[in-house]
Every structure is written in structure tokens, then in C-alpha cells.
Amino acid sequence: MSLVAGTAQVTVDIVLDQEQYLRDESMPVKVRITNRSGRTLKLGATADWLNFTVENREGHNVARLGDLPVKEEFTVESSMVATRTVDIAPFFNVGLPGRYTVSAEMKIPEWNQQISSKPRNFSVTRGAPLWEQIVGLPGTGSGVPELRKYILQQANVKHLTLYVRVTDENENKTFKLMPVGQMVSFSRPEPQVDKESNLHLLFQSGARSFVYAVVTPAGDMILRQRHDYAGPPPRLRVGQDGRIGVAGGQRFFSRDDVPPPIAIGSTNNVSAVTP
């Protein structure tokens, strides 16, 4: 079977959920494989069945930082479409702001063929810093505590989005970068750090809605809630026991809550505070 026939019968496409990313943000690339060959494809048996290439704006290949974890056997029957998702951010040096392209090449060993996708464009941006604070990691030792830095950033990714970056004291290493949620342009996020060095955030996400989130020094989001404007506007408040929570407004349960709504009652140390 010729290469031309094979590529007509089997196609590989790249799908990106967004076209702009912050430095260190996760970049999940979806590889969509469409099989119209009349035969079942057997893929993923070796580590080199799928390869990615990332180029900068000048057309130079971006340095790879490691081997992507793509080895996993699967089949694609004729007239079917399969999708594999790979986060390429940890494996390519895309830390500099600018425009990039990503493409994929798939090997079909049985046919001795390689099929390439069309390149997709994306950009990396710094984001606008809004606030930062250094905190010590909780512990019981007598030595100097290890330090972390919380950084709030905003960027226009489809819409204005608030991010939390967790780094070391000097920002030489990013432990986690995560989007917290969509925010309105006039919102001024309200951050507070509790006695366990968790970051509490409250910001306006809509005309009458606010997002309340809690992030740990490890970069894990342990709470995300929506609070609507009802009576006094939502605000962060410290209770008599030192816990931080939301006073005012009205709690609204949504599908993107963390933890999911069914498990809300199991959360400790982050309950609402009486106004």
C-alpha cells in the first residue's frame, strides 16, 4: 500500500482546547485518529508510535526535555475515530513567550508508514501579575521553614481568567500553575492566607456571581465554590477560631465545585463564616 493511499484512508489531526497558554501551564494536545482503511489499526505497542514536534516562530525545533508517555496498546476499527490526549508542556522547552506550532507523526508498523498531522498554532504569554506573597510550609521541625510563593496572574484565554502560580521563594521553580476561573474585568481578587499557609481567594466571575477557592502550598485546589450576590456582597472573613470563609451572599451549587456538591459536607477548615 502506498503512502498516499494510506494517508488518505487514515488521518491524524491535532485539537487544542485553547490557542494561548501561560508559561508552565498544562498543554493537553488531543490527537484524533480517523480510520477509513477498511482494516483495524493496532497502535501504541511501542514508545515511538506517536511523536510530536514543536517549532518556534522562526521555524526552529524546540528542545525536548524528555520522552512522552504514549506507549499504550489500543485498536481503532474501520470507520471509527480514536482520540489520545498528551500533555506536552513538561516535555518541551516552551517557557519563552511567543508563537509556536505543534504537529504529530504517527507510525503504522504493519504498513511501514508514517502519517503526519497539519501543524497547529499556539502562543505562550507571561500573564499580568496581580498579587504575590511568600509563605512558609507548615511543619513541626525546628529548622528554617521551606518557603513558597503564591502569585496571582490574569490572562485573556478565550476570556479573562485568574491563575494561581505556586513557586519557590525566588521563582526559579514553578510547582503548579492552575486556572481558578473566569473573572470580570473590574474584579479585584481578594486573597488571604490562613494559619496552615493555604491561599483563600474570592473574586467576581459574573454580574452577580463570585468564586471562592482554596489552594494549598503544594498547588492543590481543595475547594472551589460559587457564591451569588444576595443582600450583603460576598467577602472573606476570619472567624473567631481563625478559619477563613465567605460571609454574605448566597451559596450556589454548580457542577464545577471542588469537591463535587455531593461531598461538600466533608470539607473541614473552610466552612462559611457567619457575617
Protein backbone atom coordinates (compact mmCIF):
# COMPACT_ATOMS: atom_id res chain seq x y z
CA MET A 1 0.00 0.00 0.00
CA SER A 2 1.39 3.37 -0.94
CA LEU A 3 1.98 6.27 1.42
CA VAL A 4 -0.53 8.44 -0.46
CA ALA A 5 -3.29 5.83 -0.17
CA GLY A 6 -2.55 5.26 3.48
CA THR A 7 -2.69 8.91 4.39
CA ALA A 8 -5.98 9.29 2.54
CA GLN A 9 -7.51 6.40 4.42
CA VAL A 10 -6.07 7.20 7.85
CA THR A 11 -5.78 10.76 9.06
CA VAL A 12 -4.22 12.34 12.13
CA ASP A 13 -5.44 15.69 13.45
CA ILE A 14 -4.39 17.81 16.41
CA VAL A 15 -7.00 19.52 18.55
CA LEU A 16 -6.16 22.20 21.13
CA ASP A 17 -8.69 23.41 23.68
CA GLN A 18 -7.19 26.90 23.55
CA GLU A 19 -4.68 28.87 21.49
CA GLN A 20 -2.95 30.76 24.31
CA TYR A 21 -1.24 29.41 27.42
CA LEU A 22 0.67 30.83 30.34
CA ARG A 23 4.24 29.72 30.94
CA ASP A 24 4.21 26.38 32.84
CA GLU A 25 0.51 25.82 32.15
CA SER A 26 -0.64 22.34 31.20
CA MET A 27 -0.93 21.92 27.41
CA PRO A 28 -3.12 18.90 26.68
CA VAL A 29 -2.88 18.03 22.99
CA LYS A 30 -5.62 15.80 21.60
CA VAL A 31 -4.54 13.52 18.76
CA ARG A 32 -7.57 12.43 16.74
CA ILE A 33 -7.06 9.36 14.57
CA THR A 34 -9.67 8.64 11.88
CA ASN A 35 -9.60 5.20 10.26
CA ARG A 36 -11.26 4.71 6.87
CA SER A 37 -8.93 1.97 5.67
CA GLY A 38 -11.35 -0.94 5.94
CA ARG A 39 -8.98 -2.62 8.40
CA THR A 40 -8.49 -2.48 12.16
CA LEU A 41 -5.45 -0.44 13.23
CA LYS A 42 -3.26 -1.73 16.04
CA LEU A 43 -1.38 1.14 17.65
CA GLY A 44 0.60 2.08 20.75
CA ALA A 45 2.67 -1.10 21.12
CA THR A 46 5.96 0.81 21.10
CA ALA A 47 7.06 4.11 22.61
CA ASP A 48 7.78 5.65 19.20
CA TRP A 49 4.39 5.06 17.57
CA LEU A 50 3.50 8.71 18.18
CA ASN A 51 5.93 11.60 18.02
CA PHE A 52 5.42 15.34 18.50
CA THR A 53 7.38 18.22 17.03
CA VAL A 54 7.20 21.76 18.42
CA GLU A 55 8.67 24.68 16.48
CA ASN A 56 9.15 28.31 17.49
CA ARG A 57 8.15 31.31 15.39
CA GLU A 58 11.45 31.15 13.46
CA GLY A 59 10.73 27.56 12.43
CA HIS A 60 13.39 26.01 14.69
CA ASN A 61 12.65 22.83 16.62
CA VAL A 62 12.10 23.39 20.34
CA ALA A 63 14.32 21.29 22.59
CA ARG A 64 12.73 18.18 24.06
CA LEU A 65 13.04 17.70 27.81
CA GLY A 66 12.07 14.03 27.96
CA ASP A 67 10.21 11.13 26.37
CA LEU A 68 6.45 11.44 26.22
CA PRO A 69 4.41 8.67 27.91
CA VAL A 70 2.49 7.46 24.86
CA LYS A 71 3.03 3.69 24.99
CA GLU A 72 -0.37 2.07 25.44
CA GLU A 73 -1.77 -0.53 23.08
CA PHE A 74 -5.20 0.05 21.56
CA THR A 75 -7.10 -0.62 18.35
CA VAL A 76 -9.10 1.60 16.01
CA GLU A 77 -11.68 -0.24 13.96
CA SER A 78 -12.53 0.85 10.45
CA SER A 79 -14.91 3.85 10.22
CA MET A 80 -14.06 4.74 13.82
CA VAL A 81 -12.28 7.69 15.42
CA ALA A 82 -9.96 7.42 18.43
CA THR A 83 -8.51 10.26 20.48
CA ARG A 84 -5.42 10.22 22.65
CA THR A 85 -4.55 13.20 24.89
CA VAL A 86 -0.97 14.04 25.84
CA ASP A 87 0.18 16.96 27.98
CA ILE A 88 3.25 18.16 26.08
CA ALA A 89 4.19 21.03 28.43
CA PRO A 90 6.59 19.03 30.67
CA PHE A 91 8.41 17.58 27.65
CA PHE A 92 9.23 20.65 25.54
CA ASN A 93 11.06 23.85 26.39
CA VAL A 94 8.26 26.34 25.70
CA GLY A 95 8.99 28.67 28.60
CA LEU A 96 9.71 31.74 26.48
CA PRO A 97 6.73 33.89 25.46
CA GLY A 98 5.95 33.75 21.74
CA ARG A 99 4.22 31.83 18.97
CA TYR A 100 4.74 28.09 18.45
CA THR A 101 3.42 25.28 16.27
CA VAL A 102 2.87 21.66 17.27
CA SER A 103 2.47 18.69 14.93
CA ALA A 104 2.21 14.94 15.38
CA GLU A 105 3.56 11.98 13.41
CA MET A 106 2.06 8.52 13.77
CA LYS A 107 3.67 5.24 12.72
CA ILE A 108 1.65 2.29 11.42
CA PRO A 109 4.15 -0.61 11.71
CA GLU A 110 2.02 -3.11 9.79
CA TRP A 111 2.01 -0.83 6.76
CA ASN A 112 5.51 0.55 7.24
CA GLN A 113 4.05 4.06 7.01
CA GLN A 114 4.24 7.36 8.85
CA ILE A 115 1.31 9.78 8.79
CA SER A 116 1.69 13.41 9.82
CA SER A 117 -0.85 15.92 11.05
CA LYS A 118 -1.16 19.51 9.99
CA PRO A 119 0.60 21.86 12.45
CA ARG A 120 -1.47 23.81 14.95
CA ASN A 121 -0.51 27.23 16.27
CA PHE A 122 -0.46 28.28 19.90
CA SER A 123 1.17 31.03 21.90
CA VAL A 124 2.78 31.32 25.33
CA THR A 125 2.30 34.50 27.34
CA ARG A 126 3.55 35.80 30.67
CA GLY A 127 0.20 36.94 32.02
CA ALA A 128 -0.33 40.06 34.09
CA PRO A 129 0.75 39.83 37.77
CA LEU A 130 -1.84 40.97 40.30
CA TRP A 131 -0.51 39.97 43.74
CA GLU A 132 2.13 37.79 45.39
CA GLN A 133 3.07 36.59 48.86
CA ILE A 134 5.75 34.34 50.33
CA VAL A 135 4.64 31.79 52.95
CA GLY A 136 6.36 29.11 54.99
CA LEU A 137 5.37 25.48 54.72
CA PRO A 138 3.63 24.17 57.86
CA GLY A 139 5.71 21.78 59.94
CA THR A 140 6.85 20.83 63.41
CA GLY A 141 10.63 20.88 62.88
CA SER A 142 12.97 23.37 64.50
CA GLY A 143 14.88 24.30 61.32
CA VAL A 144 14.27 27.14 58.92
CA PRO A 145 10.90 26.54 57.18
CA GLU A 146 10.79 25.88 53.46
CA LEU A 147 9.24 28.78 51.59
CA ARG A 148 6.68 29.03 48.81
CA LYS A 149 5.40 32.00 46.83
CA TYR A 150 1.81 32.47 45.73
CA ILE A 151 1.40 34.60 42.60
CA LEU A 152 -1.93 35.72 41.16
CA GLN A 153 -1.95 36.33 37.40
CA GLN A 154 -4.61 37.14 34.83
CA ALA A 155 -4.63 36.38 31.12
CA ASN A 156 -7.10 36.54 28.24
CA VAL A 157 -7.52 32.87 27.29
CA LYS A 158 -10.86 32.75 25.45
CA HIS A 159 -11.95 35.05 28.28
CA LEU A 160 -10.27 36.84 31.19
CA THR A 161 -9.03 34.11 33.53
CA LEU A 162 -7.48 34.22 37.00
CA TYR A 163 -4.50 31.91 37.62
CA VAL A 164 -2.60 30.87 40.74
CA ARG A 165 1.10 30.11 40.39
CA VAL A 166 2.99 28.38 43.23
CA THR A 167 6.79 28.75 43.08
CA ASP A 168 9.83 28.64 45.30
CA GLU A 169 10.89 31.83 47.07
CA ASN A 170 12.85 33.20 44.09
CA GLU A 171 10.52 31.94 41.33
CA ASN A 172 13.23 29.65 39.97
CA LYS A 173 10.88 26.66 40.06
CA THR A 174 7.14 26.53 39.44
CA PHE A 175 5.44 23.76 41.38
CA LYS A 176 1.97 24.35 39.95
CA LEU A 177 0.11 26.77 37.71
CA MET A 178 -3.64 26.45 37.57
CA PRO A 179 -6.60 28.41 36.23
CA VAL A 180 -9.02 29.21 39.05
CA GLY A 181 -11.84 30.59 36.93
CA GLN A 182 -13.23 33.26 34.66
CA MET A 183 -13.30 36.76 36.12
CA VAL A 184 -14.85 40.06 35.11
CA SER A 185 -12.52 42.85 34.04
CA PHE A 186 -13.33 45.09 37.01
CA SER A 187 -12.87 42.35 39.61
CA ARG A 188 -10.18 42.83 42.23
CA PRO A 189 -9.39 39.40 43.70
CA GLU A 190 -9.38 39.24 47.49
CA PRO A 191 -6.57 36.93 48.72
CA GLN A 192 -5.90 35.82 52.31
CA VAL A 193 -3.52 33.20 53.72
CA ASP A 194 -4.62 31.10 56.69
CA LYS A 195 -2.58 29.64 59.56
CA GLU A 196 -1.86 26.49 57.50
CA SER A 197 -0.45 28.63 54.65
CA ASN A 198 -3.42 27.86 52.40
CA LEU A 199 -4.41 30.62 49.98
CA HIS A 200 -8.06 31.71 50.10
CA LEU A 201 -9.37 33.63 47.07
CA LEU A 202 -12.60 35.44 46.39
CA PHE A 203 -13.20 37.16 43.05
CA GLN A 204 -16.13 38.22 40.89
CA SER A 205 -16.81 35.89 37.96
CA GLY A 206 -20.07 37.36 36.62
CA ALA A 207 -22.55 40.20 37.01
CA ARG A 208 -23.81 38.78 40.32
CA SER A 209 -21.59 35.75 40.97
CA PHE A 210 -18.32 35.21 42.84
CA VAL A 211 -15.86 32.32 43.04
CA TYR A 212 -14.34 31.24 46.35
CA ALA A 213 -11.31 28.94 46.09
CA VAL A 214 -8.69 27.50 48.44
CA VAL A 215 -5.23 26.43 47.20
CA THR A 216 -2.58 24.64 49.26
CA PRO A 217 1.18 25.41 49.21
CA ALA A 218 1.56 22.23 47.13
CA GLY A 219 -0.61 23.79 44.44
CA ASP A 220 -3.69 21.65 45.04
CA MET A 221 -7.12 23.29 44.80
CA ILE A 222 -9.05 21.78 47.71
CA LEU A 223 -12.11 24.00 47.48
CA ARG A 224 -13.97 25.90 44.76
CA GLN A 225 -17.44 27.32 45.31
CA ARG A 226 -19.79 29.80 43.72
CA HIS A 227 -21.45 32.49 45.82
CA ASP A 228 -24.07 34.81 44.34
CA TYR A 229 -24.77 38.42 45.19
CA ALA A 230 -27.73 38.43 47.61
CA GLY A 231 -28.06 41.13 50.23
CA PRO A 232 -24.56 41.96 51.51
CA PRO A 233 -21.97 41.06 48.81
CA PRO A 234 -19.75 38.02 49.46
CA ARG A 235 -16.46 38.78 51.22
CA LEU A 236 -13.74 36.88 53.03
CA ARG A 237 -13.84 36.95 56.79
CA VAL A 238 -11.80 35.34 59.55
CA GLY A 239 -13.85 33.61 62.25
CA GLN A 240 -13.08 33.57 65.97
CA ASP A 241 -11.43 30.16 65.56
CA GLY A 242 -9.09 31.54 62.88
CA ARG A 243 -10.82 29.84 59.99
CA ILE A 244 -11.36 31.82 56.80
CA GLY A 245 -14.62 31.60 54.91
CA VAL A 246 -17.21 33.55 52.98
CA ALA A 247 -19.56 36.00 54.70
CA GLY A 248 -22.54 37.45 52.86
CA GLY A 249 -24.00 36.42 49.55
CA GLN A 250 -25.73 33.12 48.88
CA ARG A 251 -24.11 29.73 48.20
CA PHE A 252 -24.90 28.35 44.73
CA PHE A 253 -24.06 24.71 43.94
CA SER A 254 -22.59 24.06 40.48
CA ARG A 255 -21.07 21.17 38.53
CA ASP A 256 -17.53 22.57 38.70
CA ASP A 257 -17.49 22.74 42.51
CA VAL A 258 -14.46 21.28 44.27
CA PRO A 259 -15.18 18.89 45.89
CA PRO A 260 -18.32 17.93 43.94
CA PRO A 261 -21.57 19.12 45.58
CA ILE A 262 -22.40 15.67 46.99
CA ALA A 263 -19.20 15.77 49.07
CA ILE A 264 -19.37 19.40 50.25
CA GLY A 265 -20.21 18.42 53.80
CA SER A 266 -16.92 16.54 54.20
CA THR A 267 -14.73 19.67 53.87
CA ASN A 268 -13.09 20.87 57.09
CA ASN A 269 -11.45 24.17 57.99
CA VAL A 270 -13.02 26.03 55.07
CA SER A 271 -16.65 26.41 56.08
CA ALA A 272 -18.62 29.63 55.72
CA VAL A 273 -18.23 32.32 58.35
CA THR A 274 -21.23 33.95 59.95
CA PRO A 275 -21.46 37.61 58.89
